[in-house]
Amino acid sequence: MDRWLNKSRNTVGSSSSDANENKCVTPNNSASLKRANSPPNKQSDTGTSATTVSKRRKYDENYISFGFIHENSYPQCVVCSKVFPNSSMVPAKLRRHLETNHTNVKDKPVDYFIRLRDQLLKNKNFIAEVTKTENEKATEASYMVSYRIA
């Protein structure tokens, strides 16, 4: 690009055909000019499709101090059992939820939240076991009825 600029400055006194050749901008040169003038971290608009990449946050074990556990790649509050989107897995947002919605437990030690986590997971497993046995019995009864009808 510097060579092109230097030639256009030097060709002021040269013939008109040389000046037209130096001033001609090809599509390849225009794309390189756009890339050269754009900031280094931004994507240039050279005809490529812009894809948005959302940042997926990962759970940190320190989030239990805010009262959150990792549930299927989403944060879940151990106090109210509410599941939040992945974009809410920011320490400031987790702390804000704890301080605004659960003011009575915001000063509790980490051991308190660990006990709540264990209790929540125990209850989930219990519910899964109860519904599984009822579903099996219901399915068996349905087969028996359909067998007698047939």
N, C-alpha and C. Protein backbone atom coordinates (compact mmCIF):
# COMPACT_ATOMS: atom_id res chain seq x y z
N MET A 1 0.83 -1.18 0.00
CA MET A 1 0.00 0.00 0.00
C MET A 1 0.87 1.24 0.00
N ASP A 2 1.95 1.23 0.75
CA ASP A 2 2.85 2.37 0.76
C ASP A 2 3.44 2.60 -0.61
N ARG A 3 3.75 1.53 -1.31
CA ARG A 3 4.30 1.66 -2.66
C ARG A 3 3.29 2.35 -3.56
N TRP A 4 2.01 2.01 -3.44
CA TRP A 4 0.98 2.63 -4.26
C TRP A 4 0.87 4.11 -3.95
N LEU A 5 0.93 4.49 -2.66
CA LEU A 5 0.86 5.89 -2.29
C LEU A 5 2.07 6.65 -2.78
N ASN A 6 3.25 6.07 -2.69
CA ASN A 6 4.45 6.74 -3.14
C ASN A 6 4.43 6.93 -4.64
N LYS A 7 3.94 5.96 -5.40
CA LYS A 7 3.88 6.10 -6.86
C LYS A 7 2.89 7.19 -7.25
N SER A 8 1.76 7.28 -6.55
CA SER A 8 0.78 8.31 -6.91
C SER A 8 1.33 9.69 -6.62
N ARG A 9 2.18 9.86 -5.62
CA ARG A 9 2.81 11.15 -5.35
C ARG A 9 3.87 11.47 -6.39
N ASN A 10 4.61 10.46 -6.82
CA ASN A 10 5.70 10.66 -7.77
C ASN A 10 5.20 10.86 -9.18
N THR A 11 3.99 10.47 -9.50
CA THR A 11 3.50 10.52 -10.88
C THR A 11 2.80 11.81 -11.21
N VAL A 12 2.96 12.84 -10.42
CA VAL A 12 2.29 14.10 -10.70
C VAL A 12 2.79 14.69 -12.00
N GLY A 13 4.08 14.60 -12.29
CA GLY A 13 4.63 15.16 -13.51
C GLY A 13 4.74 14.16 -14.62
N SER A 14 4.35 12.92 -14.44
CA SER A 14 4.50 11.90 -15.47
C SER A 14 3.33 11.93 -16.42
N SER A 15 3.33 11.04 -17.36
CA SER A 15 2.28 11.01 -18.38
C SER A 15 0.95 10.61 -17.76
N SER A 16 -0.14 10.90 -18.46
CA SER A 16 -1.47 10.63 -17.94
C SER A 16 -1.76 9.13 -17.88
N SER A 17 -1.21 8.34 -18.79
CA SER A 17 -1.46 6.90 -18.76
C SER A 17 -0.81 6.25 -17.54
N ASP A 18 0.38 6.71 -17.17
CA ASP A 18 1.02 6.18 -15.97
C ASP A 18 0.24 6.57 -14.73
N ALA A 19 -0.29 7.80 -14.69
CA ALA A 19 -1.05 8.26 -13.53
C ALA A 19 -2.33 7.46 -13.38
N ASN A 20 -2.99 7.14 -14.51
CA ASN A 20 -4.24 6.36 -14.45
C ASN A 20 -3.96 4.94 -13.96
N GLU A 21 -2.82 4.36 -14.37
CA GLU A 21 -2.48 3.03 -13.91
C GLU A 21 -2.23 3.02 -12.41
N ASN A 22 -1.58 4.05 -11.92
CA ASN A 22 -1.26 4.09 -10.50
C ASN A 22 -2.47 4.41 -9.64
N LYS A 23 -3.42 5.15 -10.18
CA LYS A 23 -4.59 5.53 -9.41
C LYS A 23 -5.68 4.46 -9.45
N CYS A 24 -5.58 3.54 -10.37
CA CYS A 24 -6.58 2.49 -10.50
C CYS A 24 -6.53 1.58 -9.28
N VAL A 25 -7.69 1.36 -8.70
CA VAL A 25 -7.78 0.51 -7.53
C VAL A 25 -8.55 -0.74 -7.92
N THR A 26 -7.91 -1.88 -7.79
CA THR A 26 -8.56 -3.14 -8.11
C THR A 26 -9.34 -3.61 -6.89
N PRO A 27 -10.29 -4.52 -7.08
CA PRO A 27 -11.04 -5.04 -5.93
C PRO A 27 -10.14 -5.66 -4.87
N ASN A 28 -9.06 -6.30 -5.29
CA ASN A 28 -8.15 -6.88 -4.31
C ASN A 28 -7.49 -5.80 -3.47
N ASN A 29 -7.13 -4.70 -4.14
CA ASN A 29 -6.50 -3.61 -3.41
C ASN A 29 -7.48 -2.93 -2.47
N SER A 30 -8.76 -2.81 -2.88
CA SER A 30 -9.74 -2.16 -2.01
C SER A 30 -9.98 -2.98 -0.76
N ALA A 31 -9.97 -4.31 -0.90
CA ALA A 31 -10.15 -5.15 0.29
C ALA A 31 -8.98 -5.01 1.23
N SER A 32 -7.77 -4.93 0.65
CA SER A 32 -6.61 -4.77 1.52
C SER A 32 -6.60 -3.39 2.15
N LEU A 33 -7.12 -2.37 1.44
CA LEU A 33 -7.21 -1.04 2.03
C LEU A 33 -8.19 -1.03 3.18
N LYS A 34 -9.32 -1.72 3.02
CA LYS A 34 -10.30 -1.77 4.10
C LYS A 34 -9.72 -2.46 5.32
N ARG A 35 -8.97 -3.57 5.07
CA ARG A 35 -8.37 -4.27 6.19
C ARG A 35 -7.29 -3.44 6.85
N ALA A 36 -6.55 -2.67 6.07
CA ALA A 36 -5.47 -1.86 6.63
C ALA A 36 -6.02 -0.71 7.46
N ASN A 37 -7.17 -0.15 7.05
CA ASN A 37 -7.74 0.98 7.77
C ASN A 37 -8.60 0.57 8.95
N SER A 38 -9.00 -0.69 9.00
CA SER A 38 -9.87 -1.13 10.10
C SER A 38 -9.03 -1.45 11.32
N PRO A 39 -9.64 -1.37 12.50
CA PRO A 39 -8.91 -1.74 13.72
C PRO A 39 -8.51 -3.20 13.67
N PRO A 40 -7.40 -3.58 14.31
CA PRO A 40 -6.89 -4.94 14.17
C PRO A 40 -7.79 -6.01 14.75
N ASN A 41 -8.58 -5.72 15.78
CA ASN A 41 -9.41 -6.74 16.43
C ASN A 41 -10.81 -6.84 15.85
N LYS A 42 -11.21 -5.92 15.03
CA LYS A 42 -12.56 -5.94 14.48
C LYS A 42 -12.57 -6.68 13.15
N GLN A 43 -13.71 -7.31 12.84
CA GLN A 43 -13.84 -8.05 11.61
C GLN A 43 -14.15 -7.09 10.49
N SER A 44 -13.44 -7.19 9.36
CA SER A 44 -13.67 -6.28 8.25
C SER A 44 -14.85 -6.77 7.43
N ASP A 45 -15.43 -5.86 6.67
CA ASP A 45 -16.60 -6.21 5.86
C ASP A 45 -16.15 -6.48 4.44
N THR A 46 -15.42 -7.53 4.21
CA THR A 46 -14.91 -7.88 2.89
C THR A 46 -15.79 -8.90 2.20
N GLY A 47 -17.03 -8.99 2.58
CA GLY A 47 -17.94 -9.91 1.94
C GLY A 47 -18.10 -11.21 2.68
N THR A 48 -17.34 -11.46 3.71
CA THR A 48 -17.51 -12.69 4.47
C THR A 48 -18.67 -12.53 5.42
N SER A 49 -19.36 -13.62 5.67
CA SER A 49 -20.51 -13.54 6.56
C SER A 49 -20.03 -13.41 8.00
N ALA A 50 -20.65 -12.52 8.73
CA ALA A 50 -20.27 -12.30 10.12
C ALA A 50 -21.01 -13.30 10.99
N THR A 51 -20.26 -14.08 11.73
CA THR A 51 -20.87 -15.04 12.64
C THR A 51 -20.65 -14.56 14.06
N THR A 52 -21.71 -14.59 14.83
CA THR A 52 -21.58 -14.16 16.22
C THR A 52 -21.28 -15.37 17.07
N VAL A 53 -20.24 -15.25 17.84
CA VAL A 53 -19.83 -16.34 18.71
C VAL A 53 -20.10 -15.89 20.14
N SER A 54 -21.01 -16.59 20.80
CA SER A 54 -21.32 -16.25 22.18
C SER A 54 -20.35 -16.97 23.10
N LYS A 55 -19.97 -16.29 24.13
CA LYS A 55 -19.01 -16.86 25.06
C LYS A 55 -19.75 -17.77 26.03
N ARG A 56 -19.29 -19.00 26.14
CA ARG A 56 -19.87 -19.95 27.07
C ARG A 56 -19.03 -19.93 28.33
N ARG A 57 -19.63 -19.49 29.41
CA ARG A 57 -18.91 -19.45 30.68
C ARG A 57 -18.89 -20.85 31.29
N LYS A 58 -17.83 -21.10 32.03
CA LYS A 58 -17.69 -22.38 32.70
C LYS A 58 -17.91 -22.18 34.19
N TYR A 59 -18.46 -23.20 34.80
CA TYR A 59 -18.74 -23.15 36.23
C TYR A 59 -17.44 -23.21 37.01
N ASP A 60 -17.36 -22.38 38.03
CA ASP A 60 -16.21 -22.37 38.93
C ASP A 60 -16.69 -22.87 40.28
N GLU A 61 -15.88 -23.65 40.95
CA GLU A 61 -16.27 -24.22 42.25
C GLU A 61 -16.50 -23.14 43.31
N ASN A 62 -15.97 -21.95 43.09
CA ASN A 62 -16.17 -20.86 44.06
C ASN A 62 -17.58 -20.28 44.01
N TYR A 63 -18.37 -20.64 42.99
CA TYR A 63 -19.73 -20.11 42.88
C TYR A 63 -20.65 -20.68 43.96
N ILE A 64 -20.22 -21.75 44.62
CA ILE A 64 -21.03 -22.29 45.72
C ILE A 64 -21.11 -21.28 46.86
N SER A 65 -20.12 -20.39 46.97
CA SER A 65 -20.17 -19.36 48.01
C SER A 65 -21.28 -18.35 47.75
N PHE A 66 -21.76 -18.28 46.50
CA PHE A 66 -22.91 -17.43 46.17
C PHE A 66 -24.21 -18.22 46.22
N GLY A 67 -24.11 -19.52 46.48
CA GLY A 67 -25.30 -20.36 46.56
C GLY A 67 -25.72 -20.96 45.24
N PHE A 68 -24.77 -21.20 44.33
CA PHE A 68 -25.10 -21.74 43.01
C PHE A 68 -24.31 -23.01 42.75
N ILE A 69 -24.99 -23.95 42.08
CA ILE A 69 -24.35 -25.19 41.66
C ILE A 69 -24.44 -25.28 40.15
N HIS A 70 -23.75 -26.27 39.60
CA HIS A 70 -23.71 -26.50 38.16
C HIS A 70 -24.73 -27.57 37.81
N GLU A 71 -25.75 -27.22 37.06
CA GLU A 71 -26.81 -28.16 36.69
C GLU A 71 -26.99 -28.16 35.18
N ASN A 72 -26.49 -29.20 34.50
CA ASN A 72 -26.59 -29.32 33.04
C ASN A 72 -26.06 -28.08 32.33
N SER A 73 -24.89 -27.63 32.71
CA SER A 73 -24.17 -26.47 32.16
C SER A 73 -24.89 -25.15 32.41
N TYR A 74 -25.78 -25.12 33.35
CA TYR A 74 -26.46 -23.88 33.75
C TYR A 74 -26.33 -23.69 35.26
N PRO A 75 -26.26 -22.45 35.73
CA PRO A 75 -26.21 -22.24 37.18
C PRO A 75 -27.59 -22.40 37.80
N GLN A 76 -27.65 -23.05 38.96
CA GLN A 76 -28.90 -23.25 39.68
C GLN A 76 -28.71 -22.80 41.12
N CYS A 77 -29.65 -22.00 41.60
CA CYS A 77 -29.61 -21.51 42.97
C CYS A 77 -30.01 -22.66 43.90
N VAL A 78 -29.22 -22.88 44.97
CA VAL A 78 -29.54 -23.97 45.90
C VAL A 78 -30.60 -23.57 46.89
N VAL A 79 -30.89 -22.27 47.02
CA VAL A 79 -31.89 -21.81 47.97
C VAL A 79 -33.28 -21.90 47.36
N CYS A 80 -33.46 -21.34 46.15
CA CYS A 80 -34.78 -21.32 45.53
C CYS A 80 -34.92 -22.30 44.37
N SER A 81 -33.85 -23.02 44.02
CA SER A 81 -33.83 -24.03 42.95
C SER A 81 -34.11 -23.45 41.58
N LYS A 82 -33.91 -22.17 41.39
CA LYS A 82 -34.14 -21.53 40.10
C LYS A 82 -32.92 -21.72 39.22
N VAL A 83 -33.15 -22.09 37.95
CA VAL A 83 -32.07 -22.31 37.00
C VAL A 83 -31.96 -21.07 36.12
N PHE A 84 -30.75 -20.57 35.95
CA PHE A 84 -30.49 -19.36 35.18
C PHE A 84 -29.80 -19.71 33.87
N PRO A 85 -29.86 -18.80 32.87
CA PRO A 85 -29.14 -19.05 31.61
C PRO A 85 -27.63 -18.95 31.82
N ASN A 86 -26.89 -19.46 30.85
CA ASN A 86 -25.44 -19.46 30.96
C ASN A 86 -24.88 -18.04 31.02
N SER A 87 -25.55 -17.08 30.42
CA SER A 87 -25.06 -15.71 30.45
C SER A 87 -25.10 -15.12 31.85
N SER A 88 -25.84 -15.73 32.75
CA SER A 88 -25.90 -15.26 34.14
C SER A 88 -24.80 -15.84 35.00
N MET A 89 -23.91 -16.64 34.42
CA MET A 89 -22.86 -17.25 35.21
C MET A 89 -21.68 -16.28 35.36
N VAL A 90 -22.00 -15.09 35.81
CA VAL A 90 -21.01 -14.07 36.11
C VAL A 90 -21.06 -13.87 37.62
N PRO A 91 -19.92 -13.83 38.29
CA PRO A 91 -19.95 -13.70 39.75
C PRO A 91 -20.77 -12.52 40.25
N ALA A 92 -20.74 -11.40 39.55
CA ALA A 92 -21.51 -10.24 40.00
C ALA A 92 -23.02 -10.50 39.92
N LYS A 93 -23.46 -11.17 38.88
CA LYS A 93 -24.89 -11.47 38.74
C LYS A 93 -25.35 -12.51 39.77
N LEU A 94 -24.48 -13.48 40.03
CA LEU A 94 -24.83 -14.49 41.04
C LEU A 94 -24.90 -13.86 42.43
N ARG A 95 -23.95 -13.00 42.72
CA ARG A 95 -23.95 -12.31 44.02
C ARG A 95 -25.18 -11.40 44.15
N ARG A 96 -25.55 -10.72 43.07
CA ARG A 96 -26.72 -9.85 43.10
C ARG A 96 -27.99 -10.63 43.37
N HIS A 97 -28.13 -11.82 42.76
CA HIS A 97 -29.30 -12.66 43.03
C HIS A 97 -29.36 -13.05 44.50
N LEU A 98 -28.21 -13.42 45.04
CA LEU A 98 -28.17 -13.83 46.45
C LEU A 98 -28.52 -12.67 47.37
N GLU A 99 -27.98 -11.49 47.08
CA GLU A 99 -28.20 -10.35 47.97
C GLU A 99 -29.60 -9.76 47.85
N THR A 100 -30.21 -9.84 46.68
CA THR A 100 -31.54 -9.24 46.51
C THR A 100 -32.67 -10.20 46.85
N ASN A 101 -32.51 -11.48 46.51
CA ASN A 101 -33.61 -12.43 46.70
C ASN A 101 -33.51 -13.24 47.99
N HIS A 102 -32.30 -13.41 48.49
CA HIS A 102 -32.10 -14.25 49.68
C HIS A 102 -31.28 -13.47 50.70
N THR A 103 -31.83 -12.37 51.18
CA THR A 103 -31.09 -11.52 52.12
C THR A 103 -30.85 -12.21 53.46
N ASN A 104 -31.71 -13.16 53.80
CA ASN A 104 -31.55 -13.84 55.09
C ASN A 104 -30.39 -14.84 55.10
N VAL A 105 -29.91 -15.30 53.95
CA VAL A 105 -28.83 -16.27 53.92
C VAL A 105 -27.56 -15.73 53.27
N LYS A 106 -27.52 -14.45 52.96
CA LYS A 106 -26.36 -13.93 52.23
C LYS A 106 -25.08 -13.92 53.07
N ASP A 107 -25.20 -13.93 54.39
CA ASP A 107 -24.02 -13.91 55.25
C ASP A 107 -23.67 -15.29 55.80
N LYS A 108 -24.29 -16.33 55.28
CA LYS A 108 -24.03 -17.69 55.77
C LYS A 108 -22.68 -18.19 55.24
N PRO A 109 -22.05 -19.10 55.96
CA PRO A 109 -20.77 -19.65 55.49
C PRO A 109 -20.98 -20.62 54.33
N VAL A 110 -19.89 -21.00 53.69
CA VAL A 110 -19.95 -21.87 52.52
C VAL A 110 -20.49 -23.24 52.91
N ASP A 111 -20.23 -23.70 54.12
CA ASP A 111 -20.74 -25.01 54.55
C ASP A 111 -22.26 -25.08 54.50
N TYR A 112 -22.93 -23.96 54.76
CA TYR A 112 -24.39 -23.91 54.70
C TYR A 112 -24.86 -24.21 53.27
N PHE A 113 -24.21 -23.58 52.29
CA PHE A 113 -24.60 -23.79 50.89
C PHE A 113 -24.25 -25.19 50.42
N ILE A 114 -23.20 -25.76 50.95
CA ILE A 114 -22.85 -27.14 50.60
C ILE A 114 -23.90 -28.11 51.13
N ARG A 115 -24.40 -27.86 52.35
CA ARG A 115 -25.49 -28.70 52.88
C ARG A 115 -26.75 -28.56 52.04
N LEU A 116 -27.07 -27.32 51.62
CA LEU A 116 -28.25 -27.12 50.75
C LEU A 116 -28.06 -27.83 49.41
N ARG A 117 -26.84 -27.80 48.87
CA ARG A 117 -26.57 -28.48 47.61
C ARG A 117 -26.79 -29.98 47.75
N ASP A 118 -26.27 -30.56 48.82
CA ASP A 118 -26.43 -32.00 49.03
C ASP A 118 -27.90 -32.37 49.20
N GLN A 119 -28.64 -31.53 49.92
CA GLN A 119 -30.07 -31.79 50.12
C GLN A 119 -30.83 -31.67 48.80
N LEU A 120 -30.50 -30.68 48.00
CA LEU A 120 -31.16 -30.50 46.71
C LEU A 120 -30.90 -31.70 45.79
N LEU A 121 -29.66 -32.14 45.72
CA LEU A 121 -29.34 -33.30 44.87
C LEU A 121 -29.99 -34.58 45.38
N LYS A 122 -30.08 -34.72 46.69
CA LYS A 122 -30.74 -35.89 47.28
C LYS A 122 -32.23 -35.90 46.93
N ASN A 123 -32.87 -34.73 47.01
CA ASN A 123 -34.29 -34.63 46.66
C ASN A 123 -34.52 -34.92 45.17
N LYS A 124 -33.62 -34.47 44.31
CA LYS A 124 -33.76 -34.75 42.87
C LYS A 124 -33.67 -36.24 42.60
N ASN A 125 -32.73 -36.89 43.25
CA ASN A 125 -32.59 -38.34 43.06
C ASN A 125 -33.80 -39.09 43.58
N PHE A 126 -34.34 -38.65 44.69
CA PHE A 126 -35.52 -39.30 45.26
C PHE A 126 -36.71 -39.14 44.32
N ILE A 127 -36.91 -37.95 43.80
CA ILE A 127 -38.04 -37.72 42.89
C ILE A 127 -37.88 -38.57 41.63
N ALA A 128 -36.65 -38.67 41.12
CA ALA A 128 -36.42 -39.49 39.93
C ALA A 128 -36.73 -40.95 40.20
N GLU A 129 -36.38 -41.46 41.37
CA GLU A 129 -36.65 -42.85 41.70
C GLU A 129 -38.14 -43.11 41.86
N VAL A 130 -38.86 -42.20 42.50
CA VAL A 130 -40.30 -42.37 42.72
C VAL A 130 -41.05 -42.35 41.40
N THR A 131 -40.75 -41.41 40.55
CA THR A 131 -41.47 -41.31 39.27
C THR A 131 -41.12 -42.47 38.36
N LYS A 132 -39.90 -42.98 38.46
CA LYS A 132 -39.51 -44.10 37.62
C LYS A 132 -40.31 -45.35 37.97
N THR A 133 -40.49 -45.64 39.25
CA THR A 133 -41.23 -46.84 39.64
C THR A 133 -42.71 -46.70 39.30
N GLU A 134 -43.28 -45.53 39.45
CA GLU A 134 -44.69 -45.33 39.11
C GLU A 134 -44.89 -45.47 37.61
N ASN A 135 -43.95 -44.96 36.83
CA ASN A 135 -44.08 -45.07 35.38
C ASN A 135 -43.98 -46.52 34.93
N GLU A 136 -43.11 -47.27 35.56
CA GLU A 136 -42.98 -48.69 35.19
C GLU A 136 -44.26 -49.44 35.50
N LYS A 137 -44.85 -49.16 36.66
CA LYS A 137 -46.09 -49.84 37.03
C LYS A 137 -47.24 -49.43 36.12
N ALA A 138 -47.27 -48.15 35.76
CA ALA A 138 -48.33 -47.68 34.86
C ALA A 138 -48.18 -48.30 33.48
N THR A 139 -46.96 -48.44 33.01
CA THR A 139 -46.73 -49.05 31.70
C THR A 139 -47.12 -50.53 31.72
N GLU A 140 -46.80 -51.22 32.79
CA GLU A 140 -47.16 -52.62 32.89
C GLU A 140 -48.68 -52.79 32.91
N ALA A 141 -49.38 -51.94 33.65
CA ALA A 141 -50.85 -52.01 33.70
C ALA A 141 -51.44 -51.72 32.32
N SER A 142 -50.87 -50.78 31.61
CA SER A 142 -51.36 -50.45 30.26
C SER A 142 -51.22 -51.64 29.34
N TYR A 143 -50.10 -52.35 29.42
CA TYR A 143 -49.90 -53.54 28.58
C TYR A 143 -50.91 -54.63 28.92
N MET A 144 -51.19 -54.80 30.21
CA MET A 144 -52.15 -55.82 30.63
C MET A 144 -53.54 -55.51 30.08
N VAL A 145 -53.94 -54.27 30.15
CA VAL A 145 -55.27 -53.89 29.65
C VAL A 145 -55.34 -54.07 28.15
N SER A 146 -54.32 -53.63 27.44
CA SER A 146 -54.33 -53.77 25.98
C SER A 146 -54.28 -55.24 25.57
N TYR A 147 -53.64 -56.09 26.34
CA TYR A 147 -53.59 -57.53 26.05
C TYR A 147 -54.98 -58.14 26.20
N ARG A 148 -55.72 -57.75 27.25
CA ARG A 148 -57.07 -58.30 27.46
C ARG A 148 -58.05 -57.80 26.40
N ILE A 149 -57.87 -56.56 25.98
CA ILE A 149 -58.75 -56.03 24.93
C ILE A 149 -58.51 -56.76 23.62
N ALA A 150 -57.27 -57.01 23.31
CA ALA A 150 -56.94 -57.67 22.05
C ALA A 150 -57.38 -59.13 22.12
